[in-house]
């Protein structure tokens, strides 16, 4: 088992807030995160996510972002 940490994901599956307003290296940031995650993290690993997972302000709006994280490998 390995331990990983990631923060400030700022996902926006409901509102589709574009992160590339912060620079073009942010374009497709969720795709880049998923690619890196899949190449490094296995089912037996632990992933710590201390905060800023979603741009949503309400649970219902954050749920798709949380579900996307839950679908990724590892125990969160």
PDB file of N, CA and C in Angstrom:
ATOM      1  N   UNK A   1       0.840  -1.183   0.000  1.00  0.00           N
ATOM      2  CA  UNK A   1       0.000   0.000   0.000  1.00  0.00           C
ATOM      3  C   UNK A   1       0.882   1.243   0.000  1.00  0.00           C
ATOM      4  N   UNK A   2       0.516   2.195  -0.826  1.00  0.00           N
ATOM      5  CA  UNK A   2       1.171   3.501  -0.863  1.00  0.00           C
ATOM      6  C   UNK A   2       0.155   4.553  -0.428  1.00  0.00           C
ATOM      7  N   UNK A   3       0.657   5.672   0.078  1.00  0.00           N
ATOM      8  CA  UNK A   3      -0.204   6.774   0.495  1.00  0.00           C
ATOM      9  C   UNK A   3       0.067   7.963  -0.419  1.00  0.00           C
ATOM     10  N   UNK A   4      -1.003   8.515  -0.974  1.00  0.00           N
ATOM     11  CA  UNK A   4      -0.919   9.677  -1.845  1.00  0.00           C
ATOM     12  C   UNK A   4      -1.772  10.791  -1.253  1.00  0.00           C
ATOM     13  N   UNK A   5      -1.478  12.015  -1.621  1.00  0.00           N
ATOM     14  CA  UNK A   5      -2.306  13.159  -1.228  1.00  0.00           C
ATOM     15  C   UNK A   5      -2.469  14.074  -2.434  1.00  0.00           C
ATOM     16  N   UNK A   6      -3.666  14.593  -2.569  1.00  0.00           N
ATOM     17  CA  UNK A   6      -3.952  15.556  -3.628  1.00  0.00           C
ATOM     18  C   UNK A   6      -5.007  16.521  -3.094  1.00  0.00           C
ATOM     19  N   UNK A   7      -4.861  17.782  -3.421  1.00  0.00           N
ATOM     20  CA  UNK A   7      -5.822  18.792  -2.967  1.00  0.00           C
ATOM     21  C   UNK A   7      -6.087  19.767  -4.105  1.00  0.00           C
ATOM     22  N   UNK A   8      -7.067  20.614  -3.879  1.00  0.00           N
ATOM     23  CA  UNK A   8      -7.398  21.683  -4.823  1.00  0.00           C
ATOM     24  C   UNK A   8      -7.772  21.159  -6.203  1.00  0.00           C
ATOM     25  N   UNK A   9      -8.584  20.120  -6.232  1.00  0.00           N
ATOM     26  CA  UNK A   9      -9.033  19.571  -7.510  1.00  0.00           C
ATOM     27  C   UNK A   9      -9.974  20.529  -8.235  1.00  0.00           C
ATOM     28  N   UNK A  10     -10.788  21.240  -7.500  1.00  0.00           N
ATOM     29  CA  UNK A  10     -11.722  22.225  -8.061  1.00  0.00           C
ATOM     30  C   UNK A  10     -12.511  21.650  -9.236  1.00  0.00           C
ATOM     31  N   UNK A  11     -13.154  20.523  -8.995  1.00  0.00           N
ATOM     32  CA  UNK A  11     -13.963  19.900 -10.040  1.00  0.00           C
ATOM     33  C   UNK A  11     -15.267  20.669 -10.219  1.00  0.00           C
ATOM     34  N   UNK A  12     -15.844  20.522 -11.400  1.00  0.00           N
ATOM     35  CA  UNK A  12     -17.071  21.253 -11.710  1.00  0.00           C
ATOM     36  C   UNK A  12     -17.883  20.480 -12.747  1.00  0.00           C
ATOM     37  N   UNK A  13     -18.353  19.304 -12.375  1.00  0.00           N
ATOM     38  CA  UNK A  13     -19.115  18.487 -13.319  1.00  0.00           C
ATOM     39  C   UNK A  13     -20.510  19.029 -13.582  1.00  0.00           C
ATOM     40  N   UNK A  14     -21.083  19.798 -12.676  1.00  0.00           N
ATOM     41  CA  UNK A  14     -22.430  20.338 -12.864  1.00  0.00           C
ATOM     42  C   UNK A  14     -22.381  21.693 -13.562  1.00  0.00           C
ATOM     43  N   UNK A  15     -21.547  22.585 -13.067  1.00  0.00           N
ATOM     44  CA  UNK A  15     -21.501  23.958 -13.558  1.00  0.00           C
ATOM     45  C   UNK A  15     -20.539  24.142 -14.718  1.00  0.00           C
ATOM     46  N   UNK A  16     -19.670  23.164 -14.954  1.00  0.00           N
ATOM     47  CA  UNK A  16     -18.682  23.214 -16.023  1.00  0.00           C
ATOM     48  C   UNK A  16     -17.844  24.500 -16.001  1.00  0.00           C
ATOM     49  N   UNK A  17     -17.349  24.833 -14.830  1.00  0.00           N
ATOM     50  CA  UNK A  17     -16.454  25.984 -14.721  1.00  0.00           C
ATOM     51  C   UNK A  17     -15.117  25.623 -15.360  1.00  0.00           C
ATOM     52  N   UNK A  18     -14.691  26.444 -16.290  1.00  0.00           N
ATOM     53  CA  UNK A  18     -13.455  26.177 -17.004  1.00  0.00           C
ATOM     54  C   UNK A  18     -12.254  26.636 -16.183  1.00  0.00           C
ATOM     55  N   UNK A  19     -11.315  25.748 -15.964  1.00  0.00           N
ATOM     56  CA  UNK A  19     -10.116  26.087 -15.199  1.00  0.00           C
ATOM     57  C   UNK A  19      -9.061  26.773 -16.063  1.00  0.00           C
ATOM     58  N   UNK A  20      -9.222  26.743 -17.376  1.00  0.00           N
ATOM     59  CA  UNK A  20      -8.206  27.351 -18.217  1.00  0.00           C
ATOM     60  C   UNK A  20      -8.201  28.879 -18.162  1.00  0.00           C
ATOM     61  N   UNK A  21      -9.120  29.458 -17.401  1.00  0.00           N
ATOM     62  CA  UNK A  21      -9.046  30.905 -17.156  1.00  0.00           C
ATOM     63  C   UNK A  21      -7.802  31.234 -16.329  1.00  0.00           C
ATOM     64  N   UNK A  22      -7.235  30.218 -15.687  1.00  0.00           N
ATOM     65  CA  UNK A  22      -6.023  30.386 -14.876  1.00  0.00           C
ATOM     66  C   UNK A  22      -4.749  30.116 -15.687  1.00  0.00           C
ATOM     67  N   UNK A  23      -4.902  29.852 -16.949  1.00  0.00           N
ATOM     68  CA  UNK A  23      -3.775  29.571 -17.828  1.00  0.00           C
ATOM     69  C   UNK A  23      -4.072  28.344 -18.675  1.00  0.00           C
ATOM     70  N   UNK A  24      -3.486  28.275 -19.851  1.00  0.00           N
ATOM     71  CA  UNK A  24      -3.825  27.169 -20.752  1.00  0.00           C
ATOM     72  C   UNK A  24      -3.339  25.813 -20.250  1.00  0.00           C
ATOM     73  N   UNK A  25      -2.373  25.803 -19.325  1.00  0.00           N
ATOM     74  CA  UNK A  25      -1.930  24.514 -18.764  1.00  0.00           C
ATOM     75  C   UNK A  25      -3.024  23.874 -17.907  1.00  0.00           C
ATOM     76  N   UNK A  26      -4.080  24.617 -17.575  1.00  0.00           N
ATOM     77  CA  UNK A  26      -5.214  24.089 -16.815  1.00  0.00           C
ATOM     78  C   UNK A  26      -6.275  23.452 -17.716  1.00  0.00           C
ATOM     79  N   UNK A  27      -6.169  23.643 -19.007  1.00  0.00           N
ATOM     80  CA  UNK A  27      -7.173  23.089 -19.926  1.00  0.00           C
ATOM     81  C   UNK A  27      -7.204  21.568 -19.785  1.00  0.00           C
ATOM     82  N   UNK A  28      -8.397  21.030 -19.584  1.00  0.00           N
ATOM     83  CA  UNK A  28      -8.551  19.586 -19.418  1.00  0.00           C
ATOM     84  C   UNK A  28      -7.925  19.049 -18.145  1.00  0.00           C
ATOM     85  N   UNK A  29      -7.922  19.836 -17.077  1.00  0.00           N
ATOM     86  CA  UNK A  29      -7.211  19.438 -15.853  1.00  0.00           C
ATOM     87  C   UNK A  29      -7.749  18.138 -15.260  1.00  0.00           C
ATOM     88  N   UNK A  30      -9.061  17.899 -15.319  1.00  0.00           N
ATOM     89  CA  UNK A  30      -9.601  16.655 -14.775  1.00  0.00           C
ATOM     90  C   UNK A  30      -9.107  15.456 -15.583  1.00  0.00           C
ATOM     91  N   UNK A  31      -9.027  15.598 -16.890  1.00  0.00           N
ATOM     92  CA  UNK A  31      -8.491  14.514 -17.719  1.00  0.00           C
ATOM     93  C   UNK A  31      -7.041  14.211 -17.347  1.00  0.00           C
ATOM     94  N   UNK A  32      -6.262  15.247 -17.115  1.00  0.00           N
ATOM     95  CA  UNK A  32      -4.860  15.072 -16.728  1.00  0.00           C
ATOM     96  C   UNK A  32      -4.741  14.410 -15.357  1.00  0.00           C
ATOM     97  N   UNK A  33      -5.607  14.812 -14.433  1.00  0.00           N
ATOM     98  CA  UNK A  33      -5.605  14.210 -13.094  1.00  0.00           C
ATOM     99  C   UNK A  33      -5.943  12.727 -13.197  1.00  0.00           C
ATOM    100  N   UNK A  34      -6.987  12.406 -13.960  1.00  0.00           N
ATOM    101  CA  UNK A  34      -7.394  11.006 -14.106  1.00  0.00           C
ATOM    102  C   UNK A  34      -6.280  10.158 -14.713  1.00  0.00           C
ATOM    103  N   UNK A  35      -5.626  10.679 -15.724  1.00  0.00           N
ATOM    104  CA  UNK A  35      -4.541   9.939 -16.370  1.00  0.00           C
ATOM    105  C   UNK A  35      -3.409   9.653 -15.388  1.00  0.00           C
ATOM    106  N   UNK A  36      -3.007  10.660 -14.646  1.00  0.00           N
ATOM    107  CA  UNK A  36      -1.936  10.481 -13.660  1.00  0.00           C
ATOM    108  C   UNK A  36      -2.370   9.528 -12.555  1.00  0.00           C
ATOM    109  N   UNK A  37      -3.610   9.666 -12.102  1.00  0.00           N
ATOM    110  CA  UNK A  37      -4.158   8.818 -11.039  1.00  0.00           C
ATOM    111  C   UNK A  37      -4.110   7.359 -11.472  1.00  0.00           C
ATOM    112  N   UNK A  38      -4.629   7.091 -12.667  1.00  0.00           N
ATOM    113  CA  UNK A  38      -4.681   5.703 -13.157  1.00  0.00           C
ATOM    114  C   UNK A  38      -3.303   5.085 -13.336  1.00  0.00           C
ATOM    115  N   UNK A  39      -2.330   5.914 -13.657  1.00  0.00           N
ATOM    116  CA  UNK A  39      -0.989   5.370 -13.881  1.00  0.00           C
ATOM    117  C   UNK A  39      -0.209   5.147 -12.584  1.00  0.00           C
ATOM    118  N   UNK A  40      -0.696   5.692 -11.465  1.00  0.00           N
ATOM    119  CA  UNK A  40       0.072   5.620 -10.217  1.00  0.00           C
ATOM    120  C   UNK A  40      -0.638   4.920  -9.064  1.00  0.00           C
ATOM    121  N   UNK A  41      -1.951   4.993  -9.031  1.00  0.00           N
ATOM    122  CA  UNK A  41      -2.696   4.576  -7.843  1.00  0.00           C
ATOM    123  C   UNK A  41      -3.450   3.286  -8.108  1.00  0.00           C
ATOM    124  N   UNK A  42      -3.255   2.325  -7.198  1.00  0.00           N
ATOM    125  CA  UNK A  42      -3.940   1.048  -7.303  1.00  0.00           C
ATOM    126  C   UNK A  42      -5.024   0.915  -6.248  1.00  0.00           C
ATOM    127  N   UNK A  43      -5.783  -0.149  -6.343  1.00  0.00           N
ATOM    128  CA  UNK A  43      -6.910  -0.378  -5.433  1.00  0.00           C
ATOM    129  C   UNK A  43      -6.475  -0.442  -3.975  1.00  0.00           C
ATOM    130  N   UNK A  44      -5.262  -0.895  -3.709  1.00  0.00           N
ATOM    131  CA  UNK A  44      -4.787  -1.062  -2.334  1.00  0.00           C
ATOM    132  C   UNK A  44      -4.201   0.223  -1.747  1.00  0.00           C
ATOM    133  N   UNK A  45      -4.107   1.281  -2.525  1.00  0.00           N
ATOM    134  CA  UNK A  45      -3.494   2.526  -2.063  1.00  0.00           C
ATOM    135  C   UNK A  45      -4.494   3.430  -1.332  1.00  0.00           C
ATOM    136  N   UNK A  46      -3.960   4.335  -0.529  1.00  0.00           N
ATOM    137  CA  UNK A  46      -4.750   5.307   0.216  1.00  0.00           C
ATOM    138  C   UNK A  46      -4.521   6.680  -0.394  1.00  0.00           C
ATOM    139  N   UNK A  47      -5.620   7.404  -0.663  1.00  0.00           N
ATOM    140  CA  UNK A  47      -5.529   8.742  -1.246  1.00  0.00           C
ATOM    141  C   UNK A  47      -6.173   9.739  -0.283  1.00  0.00           C
ATOM    142  N   UNK A  48      -5.369  10.654   0.204  1.00  0.00           N
ATOM    143  CA  UNK A  48      -5.855  11.702   1.099  1.00  0.00           C
ATOM    144  C   UNK A  48      -6.216  12.924   0.264  1.00  0.00           C
ATOM    145  N   UNK A  49      -7.407  13.464   0.507  1.00  0.00           N
ATOM    146  CA  UNK A  49      -7.876  14.632  -0.233  1.00  0.00           C
ATOM    147  C   UNK A  49      -8.337  15.674   0.787  1.00  0.00           C
ATOM    148  N   UNK A  50      -7.439  16.574   1.187  1.00  0.00           N
ATOM    149  CA  UNK A  50      -7.759  17.495   2.281  1.00  0.00           C
ATOM    150  C   UNK A  50      -8.741  18.613   1.951  1.00  0.00           C
ATOM    151  N   UNK A  51      -8.999  18.898   0.700  1.00  0.00           N
ATOM    152  CA  UNK A  51      -9.991  19.937   0.468  1.00  0.00           C
ATOM    153  C   UNK A  51     -10.025  20.496  -0.937  1.00  0.00           C
ATOM    154  N   UNK A  52     -10.960  21.416  -1.125  1.00  0.00           N
ATOM    155  CA  UNK A  52     -11.222  22.078  -2.404  1.00  0.00           C
ATOM    156  C   UNK A  52     -11.425  21.058  -3.524  1.00  0.00           C
ATOM    157  N   UNK A  53     -12.306  20.111  -3.257  1.00  0.00           N
ATOM    158  CA  UNK A  53     -12.605  19.067  -4.238  1.00  0.00           C
ATOM    159  C   UNK A  53     -13.470  19.624  -5.362  1.00  0.00           C
ATOM    160  N   UNK A  54     -14.430  20.475  -5.013  1.00  0.00           N
ATOM    161  CA  UNK A  54     -15.437  20.925  -5.965  1.00  0.00           C
ATOM    162  C   UNK A  54     -15.656  22.432  -5.863  1.00  0.00           C
ATOM    163  N   UNK A  55     -16.082  23.020  -6.959  1.00  0.00           N
ATOM    164  CA  UNK A  55     -16.502  24.425  -6.954  1.00  0.00           C
ATOM    165  C   UNK A  55     -17.915  24.566  -6.400  1.00  0.00           C
ATOM    166  N   UNK A  56     -18.651  23.476  -6.291  1.00  0.00           N
ATOM    167  CA  UNK A  56     -20.054  23.517  -5.867  1.00  0.00           C
ATOM    168  C   UNK A  56     -20.207  24.097  -4.465  1.00  0.00           C
ATOM    169  N   UNK A  57     -21.335  24.737  -4.258  1.00  0.00           N
ATOM    170  CA  UNK A  57     -21.652  25.323  -2.961  1.00  0.00           C
ATOM    171  C   UNK A  57     -22.714  24.508  -2.216  1.00  0.00           C
ATOM    172  N   UNK A  58     -23.374  23.600  -2.903  1.00  0.00           N
ATOM    173  CA  UNK A  58     -24.413  22.759  -2.326  1.00  0.00           C
ATOM    174  C   UNK A  58     -24.050  21.290  -2.552  1.00  0.00           C
ATOM    175  N   UNK A  59     -24.445  20.446  -1.597  1.00  0.00           N
ATOM    176  CA  UNK A  59     -24.129  19.016  -1.686  1.00  0.00           C
ATOM    177  C   UNK A  59     -24.620  18.411  -3.006  1.00  0.00           C
ATOM    178  N   UNK A  60     -25.834  18.756  -3.400  1.00  0.00           N
ATOM    179  CA  UNK A  60     -26.413  18.174  -4.613  1.00  0.00           C
ATOM    180  C   UNK A  60     -25.568  18.506  -5.840  1.00  0.00           C
ATOM    181  N   UNK A  61     -25.007  19.701  -5.861  1.00  0.00           N
ATOM    182  CA  UNK A  61     -24.166  20.097  -6.984  1.00  0.00           C
ATOM    183  C   UNK A  61     -22.781  19.449  -6.907  1.00  0.00           C
ATOM    184  N   UNK A  62     -22.319  19.168  -5.702  1.00  0.00           N
ATOM    185  CA  UNK A  62     -21.001  18.552  -5.514  1.00  0.00           C
ATOM    186  C   UNK A  62     -21.037  17.044  -5.739  1.00  0.00           C
ATOM    187  N   UNK A  63     -22.205  16.441  -5.649  1.00  0.00           N
ATOM    188  CA  UNK A  63     -22.311  14.985  -5.729  1.00  0.00           C
ATOM    189  C   UNK A  63     -21.656  14.386  -6.975  1.00  0.00           C
ATOM    190  N   UNK A  64     -21.859  14.914  -8.182  1.00  0.00           N
ATOM    191  CA  UNK A  64     -21.166  14.332  -9.344  1.00  0.00           C
ATOM    192  C   UNK A  64     -19.644  14.407  -9.227  1.00  0.00           C
ATOM    193  N   UNK A  65     -19.134  15.458  -8.616  1.00  0.00           N
ATOM    194  CA  UNK A  65     -17.685  15.575  -8.419  1.00  0.00           C
ATOM    195  C   UNK A  65     -17.197  14.525  -7.430  1.00  0.00           C
ATOM    196  N   UNK A  66     -17.936  14.346  -6.353  1.00  0.00           N
ATOM    197  CA  UNK A  66     -17.581  13.336  -5.359  1.00  0.00           C
ATOM    198  C   UNK A  66     -17.670  11.933  -5.940  1.00  0.00           C
ATOM    199  N   UNK A  67     -18.683  11.697  -6.767  1.00  0.00           N
ATOM    200  CA  UNK A  67     -18.828  10.391  -7.403  1.00  0.00           C
ATOM    201  C   UNK A  67     -17.677  10.113  -8.367  1.00  0.00           C
ATOM    202  N   UNK A  68     -17.217  11.156  -9.067  1.00  0.00           N
ATOM    203  CA  UNK A  68     -16.087  10.981  -9.986  1.00  0.00           C
ATOM    204  C   UNK A  68     -14.840  10.567  -9.227  1.00  0.00           C
ATOM    205  N   UNK A  69     -14.620  11.180  -8.071  1.00  0.00           N
ATOM    206  CA  UNK A  69     -13.468  10.817  -7.223  1.00  0.00           C
ATOM    207  C   UNK A  69     -13.634   9.394  -6.683  1.00  0.00           C
ATOM    208  N   UNK A  70     -14.827   9.073  -6.228  1.00  0.00           N
ATOM    209  CA  UNK A  70     -15.080   7.718  -5.692  1.00  0.00           C
ATOM    210  C   UNK A  70     -14.850   6.634  -6.736  1.00  0.00           C
ATOM    211  N   UNK A  71     -15.063   6.957  -7.999  1.00  0.00           N
ATOM    212  CA  UNK A  71     -14.901   5.975  -9.073  1.00  0.00           C
ATOM    213  C   UNK A  71     -13.436   5.678  -9.353  1.00  0.00           C
ATOM    214  N   UNK A  72     -12.556   6.510  -8.854  1.00  0.00           N
ATOM    215  CA  UNK A  72     -11.121   6.308  -9.083  1.00  0.00           C
ATOM    216  C   UNK A  72     -10.575   5.268  -8.099  1.00  0.00           C
ATOM    217  N   UNK A  73      -9.465   4.659  -8.460  1.00  0.00           N
ATOM    218  CA  UNK A  73      -8.859   3.607  -7.623  1.00  0.00           C
ATOM    219  C   UNK A  73      -8.403   4.153  -6.282  1.00  0.00           C
ATOM    220  N   UNK A  74      -8.289   3.257  -5.331  1.00  0.00           N
ATOM    221  CA  UNK A  74      -7.782   3.612  -4.018  1.00  0.00           C
ATOM    222  C   UNK A  74      -8.872   3.913  -3.011  1.00  0.00           C
ATOM    223  N   UNK A  75      -8.479   3.858  -1.746  1.00  0.00           N
ATOM    224  CA  UNK A  75      -9.373   4.225  -0.660  1.00  0.00           C
ATOM    225  C   UNK A  75      -9.185   5.704  -0.390  1.00  0.00           C
ATOM    226  N   UNK A  76     -10.287   6.442  -0.442  1.00  0.00           N
ATOM    227  CA  UNK A  76     -10.212   7.874  -0.229  1.00  0.00           C
ATOM    228  C   UNK A  76     -10.663   8.181   1.185  1.00  0.00           C
TER     229      UNK A  76
END
